[in-house]
C-alpha atoms as a PDB file:
ATOM      1  CA  UNK A   1      22.211 -38.719  40.315  1.00  0.00           C
ATOM      2  CA  UNK A   2      22.149 -35.122  39.038  1.00  0.00           C
ATOM      3  CA  UNK A   3      18.920 -33.675  37.645  1.00  0.00           C
ATOM      4  CA  UNK A   4      20.557 -33.241  34.198  1.00  0.00           C
ATOM      5  CA  UNK A   5      21.321 -36.957  33.973  1.00  0.00           C
ATOM      6  CA  UNK A   6      17.967 -38.124  35.317  1.00  0.00           C
ATOM      7  CA  UNK A   7      16.406 -38.325  31.837  1.00  0.00           C
ATOM      8  CA  UNK A   8      19.072 -40.839  30.789  1.00  0.00           C
ATOM      9  CA  UNK A   9      17.893 -43.405  33.355  1.00  0.00           C
ATOM     10  CA  UNK A  10      14.198 -42.772  33.905  1.00  0.00           C
ATOM     11  CA  UNK A  11      11.406 -42.987  31.411  1.00  0.00           C
ATOM     12  CA  UNK A  12       8.330 -40.923  32.067  1.00  0.00           C
ATOM     13  CA  UNK A  13       5.160 -41.073  29.994  1.00  0.00           C
ATOM     14  CA  UNK A  14       4.284 -37.872  28.112  1.00  0.00           C
ATOM     15  CA  UNK A  15       1.887 -35.489  29.835  1.00  0.00           C
ATOM     16  CA  UNK A  16      -1.793 -36.190  29.260  1.00  0.00           C
ATOM     17  CA  UNK A  17      -2.349 -32.965  27.291  1.00  0.00           C
ATOM     18  CA  UNK A  18      -0.067 -34.117  24.449  1.00  0.00           C
ATOM     19  CA  UNK A  19      -1.814 -35.931  21.580  1.00  0.00           C
ATOM     20  CA  UNK A  20      -1.117 -39.633  21.093  1.00  0.00           C
ATOM     21  CA  UNK A  21       0.012 -39.435  17.461  1.00  0.00           C
ATOM     22  CA  UNK A  22       1.822 -37.028  15.151  1.00  0.00           C
ATOM     23  CA  UNK A  23      -1.192 -36.891  12.829  1.00  0.00           C
ATOM     24  CA  UNK A  24      -3.321 -35.568  15.663  1.00  0.00           C
ATOM     25  CA  UNK A  25      -0.873 -32.673  15.992  1.00  0.00           C
ATOM     26  CA  UNK A  26      -1.036 -31.978  12.252  1.00  0.00           C
ATOM     27  CA  UNK A  27      -4.844 -32.127  12.278  1.00  0.00           C
ATOM     28  CA  UNK A  28      -4.942 -29.571  15.086  1.00  0.00           C
ATOM     29  CA  UNK A  29      -2.553 -27.270  13.216  1.00  0.00           C
ATOM     30  CA  UNK A  30      -4.620 -27.457  10.051  1.00  0.00           C
ATOM     31  CA  UNK A  31      -7.775 -26.583  11.961  1.00  0.00           C
ATOM     32  CA  UNK A  32      -6.046 -23.719  13.759  1.00  0.00           C
ATOM     33  CA  UNK A  33      -4.837 -21.989  10.586  1.00  0.00           C
ATOM     34  CA  UNK A  34      -7.095 -19.196   9.379  1.00  0.00           C
ATOM     35  CA  UNK A  35      -8.703 -19.837   6.036  1.00  0.00           C
ATOM     36  CA  UNK A  36      -7.358 -17.601   3.276  1.00  0.00           C
ATOM     37  CA  UNK A  37      -9.900 -15.504   1.428  1.00  0.00           C
ATOM     38  CA  UNK A  38     -10.589 -16.441  -2.156  1.00  0.00           C
ATOM     39  CA  UNK A  39      -8.007 -15.033  -4.598  1.00  0.00           C
ATOM     40  CA  UNK A  40     -10.437 -12.577  -6.158  1.00  0.00           C
ATOM     41  CA  UNK A  41     -10.528 -10.612  -2.903  1.00  0.00           C
ATOM     42  CA  UNK A  42      -6.764 -10.440  -2.353  1.00  0.00           C
ATOM     43  CA  UNK A  43      -5.350  -7.155  -3.600  1.00  0.00           C
ATOM     44  CA  UNK A  44      -2.168  -5.160  -3.261  1.00  0.00           C
ATOM     45  CA  UNK A  45      -2.536  -1.670  -1.852  1.00  0.00           C
ATOM     46  CA  UNK A  46      -0.257   0.854  -3.577  1.00  0.00           C
ATOM     47  CA  UNK A  47       0.007   4.558  -2.818  1.00  0.00           C
ATOM     48  CA  UNK A  48       0.540   7.439  -5.218  1.00  0.00           C
ATOM     49  CA  UNK A  49       0.728  10.659  -3.258  1.00  0.00           C
ATOM     50  CA  UNK A  50      -2.509  10.966  -1.272  1.00  0.00           C
ATOM     51  CA  UNK A  51      -4.255   8.479  -3.539  1.00  0.00           C
ATOM     52  CA  UNK A  52      -4.417   4.753  -2.741  1.00  0.00           C
ATOM     53  CA  UNK A  53      -5.252   2.090  -5.307  1.00  0.00           C
ATOM     54  CA  UNK A  54      -5.957  -1.638  -5.116  1.00  0.00           C
ATOM     55  CA  UNK A  55      -4.550  -4.023  -7.704  1.00  0.00           C
ATOM     56  CA  UNK A  56      -5.784  -7.612  -7.859  1.00  0.00           C
ATOM     57  CA  UNK A  57      -3.074  -9.930  -6.563  1.00  0.00           C
ATOM     58  CA  UNK A  58      -3.678 -12.488  -9.288  1.00  0.00           C
ATOM     59  CA  UNK A  59      -2.650  -9.859 -11.881  1.00  0.00           C
ATOM     60  CA  UNK A  60       0.772  -9.296 -10.257  1.00  0.00           C
ATOM     61  CA  UNK A  61       3.510 -11.781 -11.081  1.00  0.00           C
ATOM     62  CA  UNK A  62       6.227 -10.147  -8.969  1.00  0.00           C
ATOM     63  CA  UNK A  63       7.366  -7.012  -7.187  1.00  0.00           C
ATOM     64  CA  UNK A  64      10.852  -5.823  -8.113  1.00  0.00           C
ATOM     65  CA  UNK A  65      13.339  -3.594  -6.365  1.00  0.00           C
ATOM     66  CA  UNK A  66      14.330  -0.364  -8.157  1.00  0.00           C
ATOM     67  CA  UNK A  67      16.237  -0.833 -11.410  1.00  0.00           C
ATOM     68  CA  UNK A  68      17.689   1.648 -13.885  1.00  0.00           C
ATOM     69  CA  UNK A  69      15.380   2.359 -16.837  1.00  0.00           C
ATOM     70  CA  UNK A  70      16.334   2.806 -20.458  1.00  0.00           C
ATOM     71  CA  UNK A  71      14.443   5.944 -21.431  1.00  0.00           C
ATOM     72  CA  UNK A  72      12.370   5.907 -24.623  1.00  0.00           C
ATOM     73  CA  UNK A  73      12.868   9.086 -26.699  1.00  0.00           C
ATOM     74  CA  UNK A  74       9.619  10.961 -27.230  1.00  0.00           C
ATOM     75  CA  UNK A  75       7.689   8.990 -24.601  1.00  0.00           C
ATOM     76  CA  UNK A  76       5.459  10.951 -22.262  1.00  0.00           C
ATOM     77  CA  UNK A  77       5.935  11.301 -18.500  1.00  0.00           C
ATOM     78  CA  UNK A  78       3.754   8.222 -17.875  1.00  0.00           C
ATOM     79  CA  UNK A  79       6.419   5.946 -19.436  1.00  0.00           C
ATOM     80  CA  UNK A  80       9.464   5.461 -17.210  1.00  0.00           C
ATOM     81  CA  UNK A  81      11.292   3.376 -19.794  1.00  0.00           C
ATOM     82  CA  UNK A  82      12.357  -0.203 -20.445  1.00  0.00           C
ATOM     83  CA  UNK A  83      13.873  -2.792 -18.147  1.00  0.00           C
ATOM     84  CA  UNK A  84      15.118  -6.330 -18.671  1.00  0.00           C
ATOM     85  CA  UNK A  85      13.633  -9.046 -16.466  1.00  0.00           C
ATOM     86  CA  UNK A  86      14.913 -12.589 -16.984  1.00  0.00           C
ATOM     87  CA  UNK A  87      15.499 -12.134 -20.688  1.00  0.00           C
ATOM     88  CA  UNK A  88      12.283 -10.178 -21.350  1.00  0.00           C
ATOM     89  CA  UNK A  89      12.071  -6.477 -22.085  1.00  0.00           C
ATOM     90  CA  UNK A  90       9.236  -4.781 -20.201  1.00  0.00           C
ATOM     91  CA  UNK A  91       7.783  -1.335 -20.642  1.00  0.00           C
ATOM     92  CA  UNK A  92       7.494   0.344 -17.237  1.00  0.00           C
ATOM     93  CA  UNK A  93       4.730   2.880 -16.685  1.00  0.00           C
ATOM     94  CA  UNK A  94       4.615   5.419 -13.874  1.00  0.00           C
ATOM     95  CA  UNK A  95       1.366   4.581 -12.061  1.00  0.00           C
ATOM     96  CA  UNK A  96       1.151   8.023 -10.448  1.00  0.00           C
ATOM     97  CA  UNK A  97       1.440   9.788 -13.819  1.00  0.00           C
ATOM     98  CA  UNK A  98      -1.154   7.412 -15.322  1.00  0.00           C
ATOM     99  CA  UNK A  99      -3.564   8.407 -12.551  1.00  0.00           C
ATOM    100  CA  UNK A 100      -2.969  12.128 -13.101  1.00  0.00           C
ATOM    101  CA  UNK A 101      -0.800  12.587 -10.013  1.00  0.00           C
ATOM    102  CA  UNK A 102       2.720  13.997  -9.818  1.00  0.00           C
ATOM    103  CA  UNK A 103       5.185  11.554 -11.479  1.00  0.00           C
ATOM    104  CA  UNK A 104       7.361   9.580  -9.074  1.00  0.00           C
ATOM    105  CA  UNK A 105      11.016  10.392  -8.600  1.00  0.00           C
ATOM    106  CA  UNK A 106      12.700   7.235  -9.900  1.00  0.00           C
ATOM    107  CA  UNK A 107      15.955   8.277  -8.255  1.00  0.00           C
ATOM    108  CA  UNK A 108      14.275   7.657  -4.885  1.00  0.00           C
ATOM    109  CA  UNK A 109      13.082   4.370  -3.440  1.00  0.00           C
ATOM    110  CA  UNK A 110      10.201   2.773  -5.335  1.00  0.00           C
ATOM    111  CA  UNK A 111       8.947  -0.633  -6.449  1.00  0.00           C
ATOM    112  CA  UNK A 112       8.083  -2.087  -9.837  1.00  0.00           C
ATOM    113  CA  UNK A 113       4.995  -4.260 -10.032  1.00  0.00           C
ATOM    114  CA  UNK A 114       5.169  -6.713 -12.942  1.00  0.00           C
ATOM    115  CA  UNK A 115       1.537  -7.099 -14.009  1.00  0.00           C
ATOM    116  CA  UNK A 116      -0.585  -8.644 -16.733  1.00  0.00           C
ATOM    117  CA  UNK A 117      -2.733  -5.960 -18.310  1.00  0.00           C
ATOM    118  CA  UNK A 118      -4.288  -5.422 -21.751  1.00  0.00           C
ATOM    119  CA  UNK A 119      -2.970  -8.804 -22.983  1.00  0.00           C
ATOM    120  CA  UNK A 120       0.613  -7.759 -22.182  1.00  0.00           C
ATOM    121  CA  UNK A 121       3.091  -7.995 -19.344  1.00  0.00           C
ATOM    122  CA  UNK A 122       4.174  -4.525 -18.225  1.00  0.00           C
ATOM    123  CA  UNK A 123       5.792  -2.896 -15.225  1.00  0.00           C
ATOM    124  CA  UNK A 124       4.173  -0.306 -12.994  1.00  0.00           C
ATOM    125  CA  UNK A 125       6.500   1.941 -10.996  1.00  0.00           C
ATOM    126  CA  UNK A 126       4.923   2.836  -7.661  1.00  0.00           C
ATOM    127  CA  UNK A 127       6.431   4.855  -4.810  1.00  0.00           C
ATOM    128  CA  UNK A 128       4.990   2.624  -2.096  1.00  0.00           C
ATOM    129  CA  UNK A 129       3.479  -0.846  -1.834  1.00  0.00           C
ATOM    130  CA  UNK A 130       1.657  -0.782   1.461  1.00  0.00           C
ATOM    131  CA  UNK A 131       0.114  -4.194   2.060  1.00  0.00           C
ATOM    132  CA  UNK A 132      -1.937  -7.074   0.732  1.00  0.00           C
ATOM    133  CA  UNK A 133      -5.594  -6.417   1.525  1.00  0.00           C
ATOM    134  CA  UNK A 134      -7.719  -9.492   2.162  1.00  0.00           C
ATOM    135  CA  UNK A 135     -11.166  -8.028   2.560  1.00  0.00           C
ATOM    136  CA  UNK A 136     -13.989 -10.303   1.423  1.00  0.00           C
ATOM    137  CA  UNK A 137     -16.599  -7.593   1.792  1.00  0.00           C
ATOM    138  CA  UNK A 138     -15.190  -5.853  -1.274  1.00  0.00           C
ATOM    139  CA  UNK A 139     -14.374  -2.558   0.388  1.00  0.00           C
ATOM    140  CA  UNK A 140     -11.230  -1.469   2.139  1.00  0.00           C
ATOM    141  CA  UNK A 141     -11.169   1.165   4.816  1.00  0.00           C
ATOM    142  CA  UNK A 142      -8.880   4.143   4.829  1.00  0.00           C
ATOM    143  CA  UNK A 143      -5.437   3.067   3.589  1.00  0.00           C
ATOM    144  CA  UNK A 144      -3.626   5.314   6.047  1.00  0.00           C
ATOM    145  CA  UNK A 145      -4.496   8.346   8.129  1.00  0.00           C
ATOM    146  CA  UNK A 146      -4.937  11.355   5.892  1.00  0.00           C
ATOM    147  CA  UNK A 147      -5.436   9.378   2.666  1.00  0.00           C
ATOM    148  CA  UNK A 148      -8.619   8.779   0.766  1.00  0.00           C
ATOM    149  CA  UNK A 149     -10.397   5.445   0.673  1.00  0.00           C
ATOM    150  CA  UNK A 150      -8.583   3.009  -1.612  1.00  0.00           C
ATOM    151  CA  UNK A 151     -10.094   2.544  -5.058  1.00  0.00           C
ATOM    152  CA  UNK A 152     -10.049  -0.543  -7.276  1.00  0.00           C
ATOM    153  CA  UNK A 153      -7.821  -0.052 -10.328  1.00  0.00           C
ATOM    154  CA  UNK A 154      -8.909  -1.236 -13.792  1.00  0.00           C
ATOM    155  CA  UNK A 155      -5.497  -2.080 -15.234  1.00  0.00           C
ATOM    156  CA  UNK A 156      -6.733  -3.151 -18.659  1.00  0.00           C
ATOM    157  CA  UNK A 157      -8.522   0.138 -19.313  1.00  0.00           C
ATOM    158  CA  UNK A 158      -5.640   2.186 -17.924  1.00  0.00           C
ATOM    159  CA  UNK A 159      -2.904   0.488 -19.978  1.00  0.00           C
ATOM    160  CA  UNK A 160      -4.987   0.255 -23.186  1.00  0.00           C
ATOM    161  CA  UNK A 161      -5.582   4.010 -23.052  1.00  0.00           C
ATOM    162  CA  UNK A 162      -1.823   4.616 -23.171  1.00  0.00           C
ATOM    163  CA  UNK A 163      -1.034   1.955 -25.798  1.00  0.00           C
ATOM    164  CA  UNK A 164      -3.650   3.226 -28.277  1.00  0.00           C
END
């Protein structure tokens, strides 16, 4: 009898280290998974030049790939324009320009964060979405070498100041 065919004819009990039931395996997996921090501490880290900002994850509904904007005549540099997302028209703001930094080049790679702010749904164009920070202590270390410590962003105040 060849070794490959041996399993067809012989039954061997499972090794002792295997659990007896499938539920025991599932229980072990559930215990082994790290516990996620509460949602209020999960934030997205976005970069605008040398500045890094944190946006609460529960405020972001999605992150979109670059799309062409419809420019709004007479709008300032902080307004990129309008985009259509699943039948809705969203105003897209340039986060860097809102923060007083150099406006992003929308011809280059960027992301659009669809967020709820100031009782509206708007888009925020950002040059780089770095990571999701899950720090329960409430402070995040340096975002990257050479950048300042990340700061929490008050979206409501920021967007209301431009809508008024």
